[in-house]
Protein backbone atom coordinates (compact mmCIF):
# COMPACT_ATOMS: atom_id res chain seq x y z
CA MET A 1 147.38 155.45 0.61
CA ARG A 2 148.95 158.84 1.18
CA ARG A 3 147.27 159.06 4.58
CA SER A 4 148.51 155.62 5.60
CA TRP A 5 152.05 156.43 4.50
CA SER A 6 151.99 159.70 6.41
CA LEU A 7 150.93 157.85 9.56
CA THR A 8 153.39 154.97 9.34
CA TRP A 9 156.55 156.65 8.07
CA THR A 10 157.22 158.65 11.20
CA ARG A 11 159.66 158.12 14.05
CA THR A 12 157.10 156.26 16.10
CA GLY A 13 154.91 154.86 13.32
CA ALA A 14 157.36 152.61 11.51
CA PRO A 15 158.64 150.84 14.65
CA ARG A 16 155.07 150.28 15.85
CA VAL A 17 154.10 148.74 12.53
CA LEU A 18 157.14 146.45 12.63
CA VAL A 19 156.52 145.49 16.26
CA LEU A 20 153.00 144.47 15.28
CA ALA A 21 153.72 142.94 11.87
CA LEU A 22 156.65 140.68 12.75
CA PRO A 23 154.89 138.68 15.50
CA LEU A 24 151.74 138.50 13.38
CA ALA A 25 153.78 137.10 10.48
CA ALA A 26 155.40 134.54 12.76
CA VAL A 27 152.04 133.44 14.14
CA ALA A 28 150.59 133.24 10.62
CA ALA A 29 153.50 131.06 9.49
CA GLY A 30 153.01 128.79 12.49
CA VAL A 31 149.28 128.48 11.88
CA LEU A 32 149.92 127.72 8.20
CA ARG A 33 152.44 125.02 9.10
CA LEU A 34 150.06 123.40 11.59
CA ALA A 35 147.13 123.54 9.19
CA VAL A 36 149.16 121.94 6.38
CA GLN A 37 150.39 119.22 8.73
CA ALA A 38 146.84 118.54 9.90
CA ALA A 39 145.65 118.28 6.28
CA LEU A 40 148.34 115.83 5.16
CA PRO A 41 145.97 112.83 5.35
CA LEU A 42 144.14 114.40 2.39
CA ARG A 43 146.99 113.48 0.03
CA PRO A 44 146.13 109.82 -0.58
CA LEU A 45 142.41 110.52 -0.44
CA VAL A 46 142.55 113.16 -3.18
CA ARG A 47 144.89 111.02 -5.25
CA GLU A 48 142.62 107.96 -4.98
CA LEU A 49 139.52 110.00 -5.84
CA LEU A 50 140.97 111.86 -8.82
CA GLU A 51 142.95 109.14 -10.54
CA PRO A 52 139.94 107.09 -11.70
CA VAL A 53 138.00 110.23 -12.61
CA THR A 54 140.71 111.88 -14.69
CA GLY A 55 142.57 108.79 -15.80
CA ASN A 56 145.77 110.76 -15.33
CA PHE A 57 148.06 109.51 -12.58
CA PHE A 58 150.30 112.58 -12.65
CA ALA A 59 147.44 115.07 -12.33
CA ALA A 60 146.00 113.10 -9.42
CA TYR A 61 149.43 112.84 -7.79
CA TYR A 62 150.12 116.57 -7.95
CA ALA A 63 146.58 117.44 -6.89
CA GLY A 64 147.19 115.24 -3.86
CA ILE A 65 150.38 117.13 -3.11
CA LEU A 66 148.67 120.51 -3.45
CA ALA A 67 145.49 119.66 -1.52
CA PRO A 68 146.98 120.03 2.01
CA VAL A 69 148.66 123.30 1.02
CA VAL A 70 145.42 124.72 -0.35
CA VAL A 71 143.53 123.66 2.76
CA GLY A 72 146.26 125.14 4.96
CA VAL A 73 146.18 128.49 3.18
CA LEU A 74 142.39 128.69 3.35
CA VAL A 75 142.25 127.74 7.04
CA THR A 76 145.03 130.18 7.91
CA ALA A 77 143.28 132.99 6.06
CA ALA A 78 139.96 132.23 7.74
CA LEU A 79 141.49 132.14 11.21
CA PHE A 80 144.13 134.78 10.94
CA LEU A 81 142.90 137.59 8.69
CA PRO A 82 140.21 138.88 11.08
CA VAL A 83 142.76 139.07 13.90
CA ALA A 84 145.39 140.78 11.76
CA CYS A 85 142.94 143.28 10.27
CA THR A 86 141.61 144.17 13.70
CA ALA A 87 145.12 144.62 15.09
CA PHE A 88 146.13 146.91 12.23
CA ALA A 89 142.89 148.89 12.54
CA VAL A 90 143.60 149.49 16.22
CA LEU A 91 147.17 150.50 15.36
CA HIS A 92 145.91 152.86 12.66
CA ASP A 93 143.57 154.47 15.16
CA ARG A 94 146.40 154.93 17.65
CA LEU A 95 148.73 156.41 15.03
CA ARG A 96 146.21 159.07 14.11
CA PRO A 97 147.27 162.52 15.27
CA SER A 98 145.10 163.82 18.06
CA VAL A 99 142.54 166.42 17.05
CA ARG A 100 142.72 169.56 19.14
CA ARG A 101 139.46 171.23 19.84
CA GLY A 102 139.35 174.64 21.25
């Protein structure tokens, strides 16, 4: 952690991290929103499947509400984390001070 802090909290490091992190966060929020919207048809399906099994209308209702959100978070993580980790790894490599050999 000390090494990462020393690389990012410099005059050029902090702005570069922000320039990378803010668009990545916006894209992640957009992907999450789209994934949740695409999974909305799961609501009645989950509710209809769970209500007879549990016998509890309220549990089935709230599971139906949560199902698209859970699917959205999982899809967003699967699609977005490799891209974000790669982008930050490249940034970390570029923030490294150059090694002088002589």
